[in-house]
Amino acid sequence: MTDRTDEVWASMLDIVTHNLEDWRSVVSEAVGLPFSRVRVIRRLSAAPLTMGGLADAAGMDAPAASVAVNDLERRGLVVRATDPSNRRVRMVALTAEGREMLDRVHAVRPVAPPEFTVLGSAELEVLAGILSRVEDAAELTRA
């Protein structure tokens, strides 16, 4: 990595973090849930998780994860079940209503921040291509 790579990354982080809270607010308002609950639902989208795994995936401590799961369970969006392969382990999974909520979350399309209005259509296409390459590289490192 070069100093310039780090500078570009810092600029991207600045733009994203400056606008992230606005996006979270839009999502929360659209689905009627605090974003901490949305985060839990999104982390359960691929497969059920243990409470510890969910806490780690959602970036929260175990007590906060427990509070979130209790709330989502009361709302009928998640269910706790015994892991069939290890009866001592409790798993958290989305219910059908939880999957519907996940669909509602995904239906909230992000709107580009005002900073992007300075880019023309050709520049946006170049940026999209660059970001696609970075996403592909990220997928390779995760695999």
C-alpha atoms as a PDB file:
ATOM      1  CA  MET A   1       0.000   0.000   0.000  1.00  0.00           C
ATOM      2  CA  THR A   2       1.111   3.529  -0.665  1.00  0.00           C
ATOM      3  CA  ASP A   3       0.554   6.759   1.183  1.00  0.00           C
ATOM      4  CA  ARG A   4      -1.782   7.784  -1.648  1.00  0.00           C
ATOM      5  CA  THR A   5      -3.824   4.591  -1.191  1.00  0.00           C
ATOM      6  CA  ASP A   6      -4.203   5.463   2.485  1.00  0.00           C
ATOM      7  CA  GLU A   7      -5.209   9.038   1.614  1.00  0.00           C
ATOM      8  CA  VAL A   8      -7.891   7.835  -0.806  1.00  0.00           C
ATOM      9  CA  TRP A   9      -9.177   5.344   1.763  1.00  0.00           C
ATOM     10  CA  ALA A  10      -9.294   8.105   4.408  1.00  0.00           C
ATOM     11  CA  SER A  11     -11.335  10.284   2.028  1.00  0.00           C
ATOM     12  CA  MET A  12     -13.777   7.450   1.363  1.00  0.00           C
ATOM     13  CA  LEU A  13     -14.138   6.780   5.088  1.00  0.00           C
ATOM     14  CA  ASP A  14     -14.770  10.457   5.746  1.00  0.00           C
ATOM     15  CA  ILE A  15     -17.559  10.625   3.163  1.00  0.00           C
ATOM     16  CA  VAL A  16     -19.184   7.394   4.346  1.00  0.00           C
ATOM     17  CA  THR A  17     -18.993   8.077   8.080  1.00  0.00           C
ATOM     18  CA  HIS A  18     -20.252  11.633   7.585  1.00  0.00           C
ATOM     19  CA  ASN A  19     -23.383  10.294   5.853  1.00  0.00           C
ATOM     20  CA  LEU A  20     -23.871   6.932   7.572  1.00  0.00           C
ATOM     21  CA  GLU A  21     -26.036   8.211  10.415  1.00  0.00           C
ATOM     22  CA  ASP A  22     -28.457   9.829   7.963  1.00  0.00           C
ATOM     23  CA  TRP A  23     -28.840   6.512   6.111  1.00  0.00           C
ATOM     24  CA  ARG A  24     -29.359   4.610   9.368  1.00  0.00           C
ATOM     25  CA  SER A  25     -32.068   7.078  10.374  1.00  0.00           C
ATOM     26  CA  VAL A  26     -33.861   6.661   7.041  1.00  0.00           C
ATOM     27  CA  VAL A  27     -33.791   2.855   7.375  1.00  0.00           C
ATOM     28  CA  SER A  28     -34.974   2.940  10.997  1.00  0.00           C
ATOM     29  CA  GLU A  29     -37.824   5.287  10.177  1.00  0.00           C
ATOM     30  CA  ALA A  30     -38.888   3.237   7.140  1.00  0.00           C
ATOM     31  CA  VAL A  31     -39.103  -0.048   9.046  1.00  0.00           C
ATOM     32  CA  GLY A  32     -40.014   1.234  12.508  1.00  0.00           C
ATOM     33  CA  LEU A  33     -37.071  -0.345  14.326  1.00  0.00           C
ATOM     34  CA  PRO A  34     -33.981   1.072  16.008  1.00  0.00           C
ATOM     35  CA  PHE A  35     -30.955   0.516  13.798  1.00  0.00           C
ATOM     36  CA  SER A  36     -29.400  -1.803  16.392  1.00  0.00           C
ATOM     37  CA  ARG A  37     -32.315  -4.171  15.727  1.00  0.00           C
ATOM     38  CA  VAL A  38     -31.924  -3.778  11.967  1.00  0.00           C
ATOM     39  CA  ARG A  39     -28.255  -4.723  12.327  1.00  0.00           C
ATOM     40  CA  VAL A  40     -29.207  -7.926  14.165  1.00  0.00           C
ATOM     41  CA  ILE A  41     -31.786  -8.856  11.525  1.00  0.00           C
ATOM     42  CA  ARG A  42     -29.245  -8.284   8.749  1.00  0.00           C
ATOM     43  CA  ARG A  43     -26.662 -10.473  10.500  1.00  0.00           C
ATOM     44  CA  LEU A  44     -29.192 -13.319  10.734  1.00  0.00           C
ATOM     45  CA  SER A  45     -30.050 -13.162   7.028  1.00  0.00           C
ATOM     46  CA  ALA A  46     -27.666 -15.931   5.928  1.00  0.00           C
ATOM     47  CA  ALA A  47     -28.171 -18.428   8.732  1.00  0.00           C
ATOM     48  CA  PRO A  48     -29.107 -18.786  12.401  1.00  0.00           C
ATOM     49  CA  LEU A  49     -26.382 -17.807  14.856  1.00  0.00           C
ATOM     50  CA  THR A  50     -25.560 -18.502  18.467  1.00  0.00           C
ATOM     51  CA  MET A  51     -25.981 -15.554  20.808  1.00  0.00           C
ATOM     52  CA  GLY A  52     -22.199 -15.175  20.995  1.00  0.00           C
ATOM     53  CA  GLY A  53     -21.845 -15.396  17.233  1.00  0.00           C
ATOM     54  CA  LEU A  54     -24.614 -12.865  16.768  1.00  0.00           C
ATOM     55  CA  ALA A  55     -23.056 -10.458  19.271  1.00  0.00           C
ATOM     56  CA  ASP A  56     -19.727 -10.701  17.435  1.00  0.00           C
ATOM     57  CA  ALA A  57     -21.318 -10.331  14.000  1.00  0.00           C
ATOM     58  CA  ALA A  58     -23.390  -7.329  15.086  1.00  0.00           C
ATOM     59  CA  GLY A  59     -20.483  -5.645  16.862  1.00  0.00           C
ATOM     60  CA  MET A  60     -22.148  -5.540  20.268  1.00  0.00           C
ATOM     61  CA  ASP A  61     -21.487  -7.068  23.645  1.00  0.00           C
ATOM     62  CA  ALA A  62     -23.446 -10.084  24.886  1.00  0.00           C
ATOM     63  CA  PRO A  63     -25.846  -8.125  27.146  1.00  0.00           C
ATOM     64  CA  ALA A  64     -26.744  -5.725  24.304  1.00  0.00           C
ATOM     65  CA  ALA A  65     -27.288  -8.658  21.944  1.00  0.00           C
ATOM     66  CA  SER A  66     -29.542 -10.305  24.517  1.00  0.00           C
ATOM     67  CA  VAL A  67     -31.625  -7.135  24.891  1.00  0.00           C
ATOM     68  CA  ALA A  68     -31.909  -6.823  21.097  1.00  0.00           C
ATOM     69  CA  VAL A  69     -32.913 -10.473  20.654  1.00  0.00           C
ATOM     70  CA  ASN A  70     -35.470 -10.225  23.478  1.00  0.00           C
ATOM     71  CA  ASP A  71     -37.025  -7.200  21.760  1.00  0.00           C
ATOM     72  CA  LEU A  72     -37.038  -8.835  18.327  1.00  0.00           C
ATOM     73  CA  GLU A  73     -38.478 -12.027  19.804  1.00  0.00           C
ATOM     74  CA  ARG A  74     -41.322 -10.035  21.419  1.00  0.00           C
ATOM     75  CA  ARG A  75     -42.005  -8.486  18.011  1.00  0.00           C
ATOM     76  CA  GLY A  76     -42.150 -11.955  16.422  1.00  0.00           C
ATOM     77  CA  LEU A  77     -39.142 -11.293  14.175  1.00  0.00           C
ATOM     78  CA  VAL A  78     -36.731 -13.873  15.625  1.00  0.00           C
ATOM     79  CA  VAL A  79     -36.993 -17.141  17.490  1.00  0.00           C
ATOM     80  CA  ARG A  80     -34.559 -18.958  19.761  1.00  0.00           C
ATOM     81  CA  ALA A  81     -34.231 -22.673  19.124  1.00  0.00           C
ATOM     82  CA  THR A  82     -32.047 -25.509  20.316  1.00  0.00           C
ATOM     83  CA  ASP A  83     -29.265 -26.469  17.911  1.00  0.00           C
ATOM     84  CA  PRO A  84     -30.151 -29.997  16.737  1.00  0.00           C
ATOM     85  CA  SER A  85     -26.462 -30.946  16.560  1.00  0.00           C
ATOM     86  CA  ASN A  86     -25.734 -29.744  20.121  1.00  0.00           C
ATOM     87  CA  ARG A  87     -28.721 -29.516  22.444  1.00  0.00           C
ATOM     88  CA  ARG A  88     -26.795 -27.277  24.867  1.00  0.00           C
ATOM     89  CA  VAL A  89     -26.533 -24.513  22.260  1.00  0.00           C
ATOM     90  CA  ARG A  90     -29.339 -22.038  21.585  1.00  0.00           C
ATOM     91  CA  MET A  91     -29.563 -20.545  18.114  1.00  0.00           C
ATOM     92  CA  VAL A  92     -31.279 -17.335  17.034  1.00  0.00           C
ATOM     93  CA  ALA A  93     -33.077 -17.415  13.681  1.00  0.00           C
ATOM     94  CA  LEU A  94     -35.338 -15.135  11.693  1.00  0.00           C
ATOM     95  CA  THR A  95     -39.036 -15.981  11.593  1.00  0.00           C
ATOM     96  CA  ALA A  96     -41.112 -15.541   8.435  1.00  0.00           C
ATOM     97  CA  GLU A  97     -42.031 -12.093   9.771  1.00  0.00           C
ATOM     98  CA  GLY A  98     -38.327 -11.419  10.336  1.00  0.00           C
ATOM     99  CA  ARG A  99     -37.594 -12.312   6.702  1.00  0.00           C
ATOM    100  CA  GLU A 100     -40.360  -9.937   5.611  1.00  0.00           C
ATOM    101  CA  MET A 101     -38.753  -7.225   7.742  1.00  0.00           C
ATOM    102  CA  LEU A 102     -35.384  -7.989   6.129  1.00  0.00           C
ATOM    103  CA  ASP A 103     -37.030  -7.520   2.718  1.00  0.00           C
ATOM    104  CA  ARG A 104     -38.367  -4.146   3.901  1.00  0.00           C
ATOM    105  CA  VAL A 105     -34.867  -3.169   5.052  1.00  0.00           C
ATOM    106  CA  HIS A 106     -33.402  -4.147   1.669  1.00  0.00           C
ATOM    107  CA  ALA A 107     -36.136  -2.170  -0.098  1.00  0.00           C
ATOM    108  CA  VAL A 108     -34.811   1.060   1.439  1.00  0.00           C
ATOM    109  CA  ARG A 109     -32.501   2.231  -1.309  1.00  0.00           C
ATOM    110  CA  PRO A 110     -29.566   4.379  -0.239  1.00  0.00           C
ATOM    111  CA  VAL A 111     -29.568   7.877  -1.691  1.00  0.00           C
ATOM    112  CA  ALA A 112     -26.209   9.329  -2.640  1.00  0.00           C
ATOM    113  CA  PRO A 113     -25.086  12.211  -0.445  1.00  0.00           C
ATOM    114  CA  PRO A 114     -24.956  15.731  -1.904  1.00  0.00           C
ATOM    115  CA  GLU A 115     -21.185  15.444  -2.352  1.00  0.00           C
ATOM    116  CA  PHE A 116     -21.806  13.150  -5.321  1.00  0.00           C
ATOM    117  CA  THR A 117     -23.590  15.843  -7.343  1.00  0.00           C
ATOM    118  CA  VAL A 118     -20.190  17.172  -8.442  1.00  0.00           C
ATOM    119  CA  LEU A 119     -19.649  14.002 -10.500  1.00  0.00           C
ATOM    120  CA  GLY A 120     -20.827  13.699 -14.070  1.00  0.00           C
ATOM    121  CA  SER A 121     -22.234  10.483 -15.512  1.00  0.00           C
ATOM    122  CA  ALA A 122     -18.888   9.458 -17.043  1.00  0.00           C
ATOM    123  CA  GLU A 123     -17.128   9.995 -13.707  1.00  0.00           C
ATOM    124  CA  LEU A 124     -19.791   7.960 -11.917  1.00  0.00           C
ATOM    125  CA  GLU A 125     -19.256   5.101 -14.381  1.00  0.00           C
ATOM    126  CA  VAL A 126     -15.496   5.196 -13.763  1.00  0.00           C
ATOM    127  CA  LEU A 127     -16.058   5.247  -9.999  1.00  0.00           C
ATOM    128  CA  ALA A 128     -18.534   2.352 -10.250  1.00  0.00           C
ATOM    129  CA  GLY A 129     -15.969   0.314 -12.176  1.00  0.00           C
ATOM    130  CA  ILE A 130     -13.252   1.051  -9.638  1.00  0.00           C
ATOM    131  CA  LEU A 131     -15.489   0.146  -6.708  1.00  0.00           C
ATOM    132  CA  SER A 132     -16.524  -3.063  -8.458  1.00  0.00           C
ATOM    133  CA  ARG A 133     -12.859  -4.075  -8.731  1.00  0.00           C
ATOM    134  CA  VAL A 134     -12.317  -3.279  -5.046  1.00  0.00           C
ATOM    135  CA  GLU A 135     -15.435  -5.291  -4.093  1.00  0.00           C
ATOM    136  CA  ASP A 136     -14.191  -8.243  -6.167  1.00  0.00           C
ATOM    137  CA  ALA A 137     -10.812  -8.084  -4.401  1.00  0.00           C
ATOM    138  CA  ALA A 138     -12.587  -7.949  -1.039  1.00  0.00           C
ATOM    139  CA  GLU A 139     -14.593 -11.064  -1.945  1.00  0.00           C
ATOM    140  CA  LEU A 140     -11.379 -12.908  -2.804  1.00  0.00           C
ATOM    141  CA  THR A 141      -9.785 -12.042   0.536  1.00  0.00           C
ATOM    142  CA  ARG A 142     -12.922 -13.159   2.422  1.00  0.00           C
ATOM    143  CA  ALA A 143     -13.098 -16.504   0.601  1.00  0.00           C
END
